[in-house]
PDB file of N, CA and C in Angstrom:
ATOM      1  N   TYR A   1      17.265   2.042 -15.915  1.00  0.00           N
ATOM      2  CA  TYR A   1      16.008   1.343 -16.005  1.00  0.00           C
ATOM      3  C   TYR A   1      15.144   2.022 -17.034  1.00  0.00           C
ATOM      4  N   LEU A   2      14.693   1.292 -18.032  1.00  0.00           N
ATOM      5  CA  LEU A   2      13.862   1.802 -19.122  1.00  0.00           C
ATOM      6  C   LEU A   2      14.563   2.876 -19.946  1.00  0.00           C
ATOM      7  N   ASP A   3      15.864   2.954 -19.847  1.00  0.00           N
ATOM      8  CA  ASP A   3      16.675   3.881 -20.642  1.00  0.00           C
ATOM      9  C   ASP A   3      16.186   5.318 -20.566  1.00  0.00           C
ATOM     10  N   GLY A   4      15.674   5.720 -19.404  1.00  0.00           N
ATOM     11  CA  GLY A   4      15.224   7.094 -19.229  1.00  0.00           C
ATOM     12  C   GLY A   4      13.874   7.399 -19.866  1.00  0.00           C
ATOM     13  N   ASP A   5      13.175   6.384 -20.350  1.00  0.00           N
ATOM     14  CA  ASP A   5      11.866   6.583 -20.991  1.00  0.00           C
ATOM     15  C   ASP A   5      10.819   6.844 -19.915  1.00  0.00           C
ATOM     16  N   GLU A   6      10.485   8.117 -19.695  1.00  0.00           N
ATOM     17  CA  GLU A   6       9.552   8.489 -18.630  1.00  0.00           C
ATOM     18  C   GLU A   6       8.149   7.944 -18.866  1.00  0.00           C
ATOM     19  N   ALA A   7       7.715   7.872 -20.102  1.00  0.00           N
ATOM     20  CA  ALA A   7       6.381   7.338 -20.406  1.00  0.00           C
ATOM     21  C   ALA A   7       6.316   5.852 -20.083  1.00  0.00           C
ATOM     22  N   ALA A   8       7.374   5.114 -20.389  1.00  0.00           N
ATOM     23  CA  ALA A   8       7.411   3.689 -20.063  1.00  0.00           C
ATOM     24  C   ALA A   8       7.407   3.496 -18.552  1.00  0.00           C
ATOM     25  N   PHE A   9       8.129   4.347 -17.846  1.00  0.00           N
ATOM     26  CA  PHE A   9       8.130   4.276 -16.390  1.00  0.00           C
ATOM     27  C   PHE A   9       6.738   4.537 -15.838  1.00  0.00           C
ATOM     28  N   ALA A  10       6.068   5.569 -16.321  1.00  0.00           N
ATOM     29  CA  ALA A  10       4.721   5.924 -15.837  1.00  0.00           C
ATOM     30  C   ALA A  10       3.727   4.795 -16.080  1.00  0.00           C
ATOM     31  N   ARG A  11       3.902   4.056 -17.171  1.00  0.00           N
ATOM     32  CA  ARG A  11       2.973   2.947 -17.468  1.00  0.00           C
ATOM     33  C   ARG A  11       3.076   1.801 -16.471  1.00  0.00           C
ATOM     34  N   GLN A  12       4.205   1.690 -15.780  1.00  0.00           N
ATOM     35  CA  GLN A  12       4.366   0.588 -14.823  1.00  0.00           C
ATOM     36  C   GLN A  12       4.513   1.061 -13.384  1.00  0.00           C
ATOM     37  N   ASN A  13       4.557   2.356 -13.150  1.00  0.00           N
ATOM     38  CA  ASN A  13       4.695   2.906 -11.812  1.00  0.00           C
ATOM     39  C   ASN A  13       3.338   2.894 -11.103  1.00  0.00           C
ATOM     40  N   ASP A  14       3.284   2.254  -9.935  1.00  0.00           N
ATOM     41  CA  ASP A  14       2.008   2.068  -9.237  1.00  0.00           C
ATOM     42  C   ASP A  14       1.220   3.359  -9.044  1.00  0.00           C
ATOM     43  N   VAL A  15       1.850   4.399  -8.561  1.00  0.00           N
ATOM     44  CA  VAL A  15       1.132   5.644  -8.285  1.00  0.00           C
ATOM     45  C   VAL A  15       0.599   6.253  -9.580  1.00  0.00           C
ATOM     46  N   ASP A  16       1.370   6.192 -10.656  1.00  0.00           N
ATOM     47  CA  ASP A  16       0.887   6.700 -11.934  1.00  0.00           C
ATOM     48  C   ASP A  16      -0.266   5.859 -12.469  1.00  0.00           C
ATOM     49  N   VAL A  17      -0.173   4.548 -12.333  1.00  0.00           N
ATOM     50  CA  VAL A  17      -1.255   3.663 -12.784  1.00  0.00           C
ATOM     51  C   VAL A  17      -2.536   3.950 -12.009  1.00  0.00           C
ATOM     52  N   LEU A  18      -2.418   4.180 -10.712  1.00  0.00           N
ATOM     53  CA  LEU A  18      -3.595   4.475  -9.900  1.00  0.00           C
ATOM     54  C   LEU A  18      -4.270   5.773 -10.328  1.00  0.00           C
ATOM     55  N   LYS A  19      -3.521   6.695 -10.907  1.00  0.00           N
ATOM     56  CA  LYS A  19      -4.089   7.957 -11.373  1.00  0.00           C
ATOM     57  C   LYS A  19      -4.888   7.798 -12.661  1.00  0.00           C
ATOM     58  N   THR A  20      -4.722   6.680 -13.356  1.00  0.00           N
ATOM     59  CA  THR A  20      -5.324   6.527 -14.683  1.00  0.00           C
ATOM     60  C   THR A  20      -6.712   5.909 -14.677  1.00  0.00           C
ATOM     61  N   GLY A  21      -7.163   5.393 -13.553  1.00  0.00           N
ATOM     62  CA  GLY A  21      -8.467   4.741 -13.568  1.00  0.00           C
ATOM     63  C   GLY A  21      -9.038   4.550 -12.184  1.00  0.00           C
ATOM     64  N   ARG A  22     -10.158   3.872 -12.160  1.00  0.00           N
ATOM     65  CA  ARG A  22     -10.841   3.558 -10.913  1.00  0.00           C
ATOM     66  C   ARG A  22     -10.657   2.063 -10.667  1.00  0.00           C
ATOM     67  N   PHE A  23     -10.459   1.709  -9.420  1.00  0.00           N
ATOM     68  CA  PHE A  23     -10.216   0.327  -9.044  1.00  0.00           C
ATOM     69  C   PHE A  23     -11.217  -0.083  -7.968  1.00  0.00           C
ATOM     70  N   LEU A  24     -12.498   0.097  -8.300  1.00  0.00           N
ATOM     71  CA  LEU A  24     -13.575  -0.237  -7.379  1.00  0.00           C
ATOM     72  C   LEU A  24     -13.594  -1.742  -7.131  1.00  0.00           C
ATOM     73  N   GLY A  25     -13.989  -2.132  -5.938  1.00  0.00           N
ATOM     74  CA  GLY A  25     -14.061  -3.556  -5.608  1.00  0.00           C
ATOM     75  C   GLY A  25     -12.730  -4.143  -5.176  1.00  0.00           C
ATOM     76  N   THR A  26     -11.715  -3.317  -5.087  1.00  0.00           N
ATOM     77  CA  THR A  26     -10.426  -3.794  -4.612  1.00  0.00           C
ATOM     78  C   THR A  26     -10.108  -3.102  -3.290  1.00  0.00           C
ATOM     79  N   ALA A  27      -9.256  -3.710  -2.529  1.00  0.00           N
ATOM     80  CA  ALA A  27      -8.949  -3.177  -1.199  1.00  0.00           C
ATOM     81  C   ALA A  27      -7.501  -3.469  -0.862  1.00  0.00           C
ATOM     82  N   GLY A  28      -7.016  -2.752   0.115  1.00  0.00           N
ATOM     83  CA  GLY A  28      -5.651  -2.984   0.537  1.00  0.00           C
ATOM     84  C   GLY A  28      -5.355  -2.338   1.873  1.00  0.00           C
ATOM     85  N   VAL A  29      -4.241  -2.737   2.417  1.00  0.00           N
ATOM     86  CA  VAL A  29      -3.753  -2.191   3.670  1.00  0.00           C
ATOM     87  C   VAL A  29      -2.302  -1.773   3.439  1.00  0.00           C
ATOM     88  N   VAL A  30      -1.986  -0.559   3.814  1.00  0.00           N
ATOM     89  CA  VAL A  30      -0.608  -0.085   3.791  1.00  0.00           C
ATOM     90  C   VAL A  30      -0.176   0.046   5.245  1.00  0.00           C
ATOM     91  N   THR A  31       0.885  -0.638   5.601  1.00  0.00           N
ATOM     92  CA  THR A  31       1.420  -0.568   6.958  1.00  0.00           C
ATOM     93  C   THR A  31       2.799   0.070   6.900  1.00  0.00           C
ATOM     94  N   VAL A  32       3.000   1.052   7.752  1.00  0.00           N
ATOM     95  CA  VAL A  32       4.285   1.748   7.794  1.00  0.00           C
ATOM     96  C   VAL A  32       4.756   1.872   9.231  1.00  0.00           C
ATOM     97  N   GLY A  33       6.051   1.906   9.412  1.00  0.00           N
ATOM     98  CA  GLY A  33       6.616   2.174  10.727  1.00  0.00           C
ATOM     99  C   GLY A  33       6.490   3.657  11.041  1.00  0.00           C
ATOM    100  N   ALA A  34       5.967   3.978  12.194  1.00  0.00           N
ATOM    101  CA  ALA A  34       5.729   5.373  12.568  1.00  0.00           C
ATOM    102  C   ALA A  34       7.014   6.200  12.577  1.00  0.00           C
ATOM    103  N   ASP A  35       8.150   5.559  12.829  1.00  0.00           N
ATOM    104  CA  ASP A  35       9.425   6.272  12.892  1.00  0.00           C
ATOM    105  C   ASP A  35      10.245   6.160  11.607  1.00  0.00           C
ATOM    106  N   ASP A  36       9.662   5.606  10.565  1.00  0.00           N
ATOM    107  CA  ASP A  36      10.371   5.404   9.301  1.00  0.00           C
ATOM    108  C   ASP A  36      10.304   6.693   8.476  1.00  0.00           C
ATOM    109  N   SER A  37      11.379   7.450   8.505  1.00  0.00           N
ATOM    110  CA  SER A  37      11.373   8.757   7.838  1.00  0.00           C
ATOM    111  C   SER A  37      11.468   8.658   6.318  1.00  0.00           C
ATOM    112  N   PHE A  38      11.851   7.506   5.785  1.00  0.00           N
ATOM    113  CA  PHE A  38      11.975   7.359   4.326  1.00  0.00           C
ATOM    114  C   PHE A  38      10.751   6.688   3.721  1.00  0.00           C
ATOM    115  N   TYR A  39      10.399   5.485   4.198  1.00  0.00           N
ATOM    116  CA  TYR A  39       9.317   4.733   3.574  1.00  0.00           C
ATOM    117  C   TYR A  39       7.925   5.105   4.072  1.00  0.00           C
ATOM    118  N   ARG A  40       7.806   5.669   5.258  1.00  0.00           N
ATOM    119  CA  ARG A  40       6.492   6.082   5.760  1.00  0.00           C
ATOM    120  C   ARG A  40       5.841   7.098   4.826  1.00  0.00           C
ATOM    121  N   PRO A  41       6.544   8.186   4.439  1.00  0.00           N
ATOM    122  CA  PRO A  41       5.917   9.134   3.506  1.00  0.00           C
ATOM    123  C   PRO A  41       5.540   8.486   2.171  1.00  0.00           C
ATOM    124  N   GLN A  42       6.359   7.559   1.686  1.00  0.00           N
ATOM    125  CA  GLN A  42       6.045   6.879   0.430  1.00  0.00           C
ATOM    126  C   GLN A  42       4.810   5.998   0.580  1.00  0.00           C
ATOM    127  N   GLY A  43       4.692   5.316   1.726  1.00  0.00           N
ATOM    128  CA  GLY A  43       3.506   4.501   1.990  1.00  0.00           C
ATOM    129  C   GLY A  43       2.244   5.338   2.024  1.00  0.00           C
ATOM    130  N   ILE A  44       2.352   6.525   2.599  1.00  0.00           N
ATOM    131  CA  ILE A  44       1.196   7.420   2.658  1.00  0.00           C
ATOM    132  C   ILE A  44       0.811   7.888   1.254  1.00  0.00           C
ATOM    133  N   ILE A  45       1.788   8.123   0.394  1.00  0.00           N
ATOM    134  CA  ILE A  45       1.504   8.495  -0.996  1.00  0.00           C
ATOM    135  C   ILE A  45       0.753   7.370  -1.696  1.00  0.00           C
ATOM    136  N   VAL A  46       1.201   6.134  -1.524  1.00  0.00           N
ATOM    137  CA  VAL A  46       0.529   4.986  -2.150  1.00  0.00           C
ATOM    138  C   VAL A  46      -0.887   4.836  -1.597  1.00  0.00           C
ATOM    139  N   TYR A  47      -1.032   4.929  -0.292  1.00  0.00           N
ATOM    140  CA  TYR A  47      -2.357   4.845   0.340  1.00  0.00           C
ATOM    141  C   TYR A  47      -3.295   5.903  -0.229  1.00  0.00           C
ATOM    142  N   THR A  48      -2.832   7.136  -0.294  1.00  0.00           N
ATOM    143  CA  THR A  48      -3.655   8.242  -0.784  1.00  0.00           C
ATOM    144  C   THR A  48      -4.044   8.046  -2.248  1.00  0.00           C
ATOM    145  N   ALA A  49      -3.104   7.616  -3.068  1.00  0.00           N
ATOM    146  CA  ALA A  49      -3.386   7.391  -4.487  1.00  0.00           C
ATOM    147  C   ALA A  49      -4.374   6.252  -4.679  1.00  0.00           C
ATOM    148  N   ALA A  50      -4.222   5.180  -3.910  1.00  0.00           N
ATOM    149  CA  ALA A  50      -5.127   4.037  -4.025  1.00  0.00           C
ATOM    150  C   ALA A  50      -6.535   4.423  -3.576  1.00  0.00           C
ATOM    151  N   LYS A  51      -6.634   5.162  -2.500  1.00  0.00           N
ATOM    152  CA  LYS A  51      -7.934   5.618  -2.008  1.00  0.00           C
ATOM    153  C   LYS A  51      -8.605   6.523  -3.046  1.00  0.00           C
ATOM    154  N   ALA A  52      -7.844   7.425  -3.656  1.00  0.00           N
ATOM    155  CA  ALA A  52      -8.375   8.317  -4.682  1.00  0.00           C
ATOM    156  C   ALA A  52      -8.836   7.546  -5.914  1.00  0.00           C
ATOM    157  N   ALA A  53      -8.258   6.378  -6.143  1.00  0.00           N
ATOM    158  CA  ALA A  53      -8.635   5.542  -7.284  1.00  0.00           C
ATOM    159  C   ALA A  53      -9.838   4.658  -6.973  1.00  0.00           C
ATOM    160  N   GLY A  54     -10.441   4.846  -5.801  1.00  0.00           N
ATOM    161  CA  GLY A  54     -11.653   4.108  -5.458  1.00  0.00           C
ATOM    162  C   GLY A  54     -11.443   2.833  -4.677  1.00  0.00           C
ATOM    163  N   MET A  55     -10.222   2.558  -4.290  1.00  0.00           N
ATOM    164  CA  MET A  55      -9.951   1.348  -3.528  1.00  0.00           C
ATOM    165  C   MET A  55     -10.360   1.541  -2.069  1.00  0.00           C
ATOM    166  N   GLU A  56     -10.805   0.464  -1.450  1.00  0.00           N
ATOM    167  CA  GLU A  56     -11.106   0.456  -0.017  1.00  0.00           C
ATOM    168  C   GLU A  56      -9.785   0.249   0.708  1.00  0.00           C
ATOM    169  N   MET A  57      -9.250   1.319   1.274  1.00  0.00           N
ATOM    170  CA  MET A  57      -7.894   1.279   1.821  1.00  0.00           C
ATOM    171  C   MET A  57      -7.878   1.539   3.311  1.00  0.00           C
ATOM    172  N   GLN A  58      -6.864   0.974   3.947  1.00  0.00           N
ATOM    173  CA  GLN A  58      -6.572   1.240   5.351  1.00  0.00           C
ATOM    174  C   GLN A  58      -5.094   1.611   5.454  1.00  0.00           C
ATOM    175  N   LEU A  59      -4.809   2.551   6.318  1.00  0.00           N
ATOM    176  CA  LEU A  59      -3.428   2.924   6.595  1.00  0.00           C
ATOM    177  C   LEU A  59      -3.162   2.630   8.055  1.00  0.00           C
ATOM    178  N   HIS A  60      -2.181   1.788   8.307  1.00  0.00           N
ATOM    179  CA  HIS A  60      -1.807   1.434   9.679  1.00  0.00           C
ATOM    180  C   HIS A  60      -0.369   1.858   9.922  1.00  0.00           C
ATOM    181  N   GLN A  61      -0.189   2.596  10.979  1.00  0.00           N
ATOM    182  CA  GLN A  61       1.154   2.953  11.419  1.00  0.00           C
ATOM    183  C   GLN A  61       1.463   2.138  12.667  1.00  0.00           C
ATOM    184  N   VAL A  62       2.566   1.448  12.626  1.00  0.00           N
ATOM    185  CA  VAL A  62       2.974   0.606  13.752  1.00  0.00           C
ATOM    186  C   VAL A  62       4.233   1.212  14.368  1.00  0.00           C
ATOM    187  N   PRO A  63       4.491   0.901  15.627  1.00  0.00           N
ATOM    188  CA  PRO A  63       5.695   1.444  16.268  1.00  0.00           C
ATOM    189  C   PRO A  63       6.963   1.004  15.544  1.00  0.00           C
ATOM    190  N   GLY A  64       7.932   1.882  15.542  1.00  0.00           N
ATOM    191  CA  GLY A  64       9.235   1.528  14.995  1.00  0.00           C
ATOM    192  C   GLY A  64       9.496   2.137  13.634  1.00  0.00           C
ATOM    193  N   GLY A  65      10.597   1.698  13.059  1.00  0.00           N
ATOM    194  CA  GLY A  65      11.031   2.201  11.769  1.00  0.00           C
ATOM    195  C   GLY A  65      10.829   1.159  10.681  1.00  0.00           C
ATOM    196  N   HIS A  66      11.761   1.136   9.731  1.00  0.00           N
ATOM    197  CA  HIS A  66      11.696   0.197   8.614  1.00  0.00           C
ATOM    198  C   HIS A  66      12.429  -1.084   9.033  1.00  0.00           C
ATOM    199  N   THR A  67      11.709  -1.920   9.787  1.00  0.00           N
ATOM    200  CA  THR A  67      12.319  -3.134  10.334  1.00  0.00           C
ATOM    201  C   THR A  67      11.382  -4.315  10.143  1.00  0.00           C
ATOM    202  N   TRP A  68      11.908  -5.499  10.394  1.00  0.00           N
ATOM    203  CA  TRP A  68      11.070  -6.703  10.351  1.00  0.00           C
ATOM    204  C   TRP A  68      10.017  -6.662  11.449  1.00  0.00           C
ATOM    205  N   HIS A  69      10.281  -5.965  12.528  1.00  0.00           N
ATOM    206  CA  HIS A  69       9.283  -5.842  13.597  1.00  0.00           C
ATOM    207  C   HIS A  69       8.037  -5.115  13.081  1.00  0.00           C
ATOM    208  N   ALA A  70       8.240  -4.060  12.323  1.00  0.00           N
ATOM    209  CA  ALA A  70       7.105  -3.323  11.753  1.00  0.00           C
ATOM    210  C   ALA A  70       6.378  -4.194  10.736  1.00  0.00           C
ATOM    211  N   TRP A  71       7.119  -4.889   9.883  1.00  0.00           N
ATOM    212  CA  TRP A  71       6.508  -5.771   8.890  1.00  0.00           C
ATOM    213  C   TRP A  71       5.705  -6.862   9.578  1.00  0.00           C
ATOM    214  N   SER A  72       6.274  -7.449  10.616  1.00  0.00           N
ATOM    215  CA  SER A  72       5.599  -8.515  11.358  1.00  0.00           C
ATOM    216  C   SER A  72       4.319  -8.002  12.010  1.00  0.00           C
ATOM    217  N   ALA A  73       4.379  -6.814  12.604  1.00  0.00           N
ATOM    218  CA  ALA A  73       3.178  -6.238  13.220  1.00  0.00           C
ATOM    219  C   ALA A  73       2.112  -5.977  12.173  1.00  0.00           C
ATOM    220  N   GLY A  74       2.511  -5.495  11.012  1.00  0.00           N
ATOM    221  CA  GLY A  74       1.556  -5.260   9.933  1.00  0.00           C
ATOM    222  C   GLY A  74       0.873  -6.547   9.504  1.00  0.00           C
ATOM    223  N   LEU A  75       1.633  -7.613   9.384  1.00  0.00           N
ATOM    224  CA  LEU A  75       1.056  -8.903   9.006  1.00  0.00           C
ATOM    225  C   LEU A  75       0.144  -9.440  10.102  1.00  0.00           C
ATOM    226  N   GLN A  76       0.610  -9.415  11.329  1.00  0.00           N
ATOM    227  CA  GLN A  76      -0.209  -9.909  12.443  1.00  0.00           C
ATOM    228  C   GLN A  76      -1.497  -9.120  12.586  1.00  0.00           C
ATOM    229  N   ASN A  77      -1.437  -7.809  12.420  1.00  0.00           N
ATOM    230  CA  ASN A  77      -2.612  -6.965  12.591  1.00  0.00           C
ATOM    231  C   ASN A  77      -3.617  -7.086  11.459  1.00  0.00           C
ATOM    232  N   ASN A  78      -3.195  -7.619  10.318  1.00  0.00           N
ATOM    233  CA  ASN A  78      -4.072  -7.611   9.147  1.00  0.00           C
ATOM    234  C   ASN A  78      -4.311  -8.973   8.516  1.00  0.00           C
ATOM    235  N   LEU A  79      -3.732 -10.020   9.054  1.00  0.00           N
ATOM    236  CA  LEU A  79      -3.903 -11.339   8.455  1.00  0.00           C
ATOM    237  C   LEU A  79      -5.350 -11.801   8.509  1.00  0.00           C
ATOM    238  N   ASP A  80      -6.052 -11.567   9.616  1.00  0.00           N
ATOM    239  CA  ASP A  80      -7.472 -11.937   9.679  1.00  0.00           C
ATOM    240  C   ASP A  80      -8.274 -11.184   8.627  1.00  0.00           C
ATOM    241  N   TRP A  81      -8.010  -9.881   8.461  1.00  0.00           N
ATOM    242  CA  TRP A  81      -8.701  -9.090   7.441  1.00  0.00           C
ATOM    243  C   TRP A  81      -8.467  -9.699   6.059  1.00  0.00           C
ATOM    244  N   LEU A  82      -7.229 -10.046   5.765  1.00  0.00           N
ATOM    245  CA  LEU A  82      -6.891 -10.621   4.466  1.00  0.00           C
ATOM    246  C   LEU A  82      -7.594 -11.956   4.250  1.00  0.00           C
ATOM    247  N   MET A  83      -7.594 -12.819   5.250  1.00  0.00           N
ATOM    248  CA  MET A  83      -8.217 -14.128   5.108  1.00  0.00           C
ATOM    249  C   MET A  83      -9.749 -14.001   4.977  1.00  0.00           C
ATOM    250  N   ARG A  84     -10.352 -13.055   5.655  1.00  0.00           N
ATOM    251  CA  ARG A  84     -11.789 -12.805   5.472  1.00  0.00           C
ATOM    252  C   ARG A  84     -12.050 -12.307   4.054  1.00  0.00           C
ATOM    253  N   ARG A  85     -11.178 -11.466   3.577  1.00  0.00           N
ATOM    254  CA  ARG A  85     -11.323 -10.937   2.217  1.00  0.00           C
ATOM    255  C   ARG A  85     -11.244 -12.067   1.191  1.00  0.00           C
ATOM    256  N   TYR A  86     -10.373 -13.021   1.432  1.00  0.00           N
ATOM    257  CA  TYR A  86     -10.266 -14.189   0.545  1.00  0.00           C
ATOM    258  C   TYR A  86     -11.361 -15.215   0.756  1.00  0.00           C
ATOM    259  N   GLY A  87     -12.141 -15.040   1.829  1.00  0.00           N
ATOM    260  CA  GLY A  87     -13.245 -15.949   2.101  1.00  0.00           C
ATOM    261  C   GLY A  87     -12.843 -17.204   2.840  1.00  0.00           C
ATOM    262  N   THR A  88     -11.657 -17.215   3.461  1.00  0.00           N
ATOM    263  CA  THR A  88     -11.231 -18.411   4.174  1.00  0.00           C
ATOM    264  C   THR A  88     -11.525 -18.342   5.664  1.00  0.00           C
ATOM    265  N   LEU A  89     -11.992 -17.198   6.144  1.00  0.00           N
ATOM    266  CA  LEU A  89     -12.428 -17.052   7.547  1.00  0.00           C
ATOM    267  C   LEU A  89     -13.841 -16.476   7.533  1.00  0.00           C
ATOM    268  N   PRO A  90     -14.628 -16.868   8.548  1.00  0.00           N
ATOM    269  CA  PRO A  90     -16.003 -16.318   8.608  1.00  0.00           C
ATOM    270  C   PRO A  90     -15.997 -14.833   8.929  1.00  0.00           C
TER     271      PRO A  90
END
């Protein structure tokens, strides 16, 4: 991928992009499975980088690992927040 060009990778890598500027007025939710030993730490890295870049962030840990159950819980727990953010719910 990118023929080993580290600079090209950094230009499109989310965590590196978040280090380059401020993203005020944006928000997000990172949901991770509490038992997910691989993706949970990565989710926390993304959450931390986004928060440091000025984003209004939330980190939610749901029971389980890297499964559809965790993804579903993340969506169910945050869909109202997302729809309010889009202005489709009061």
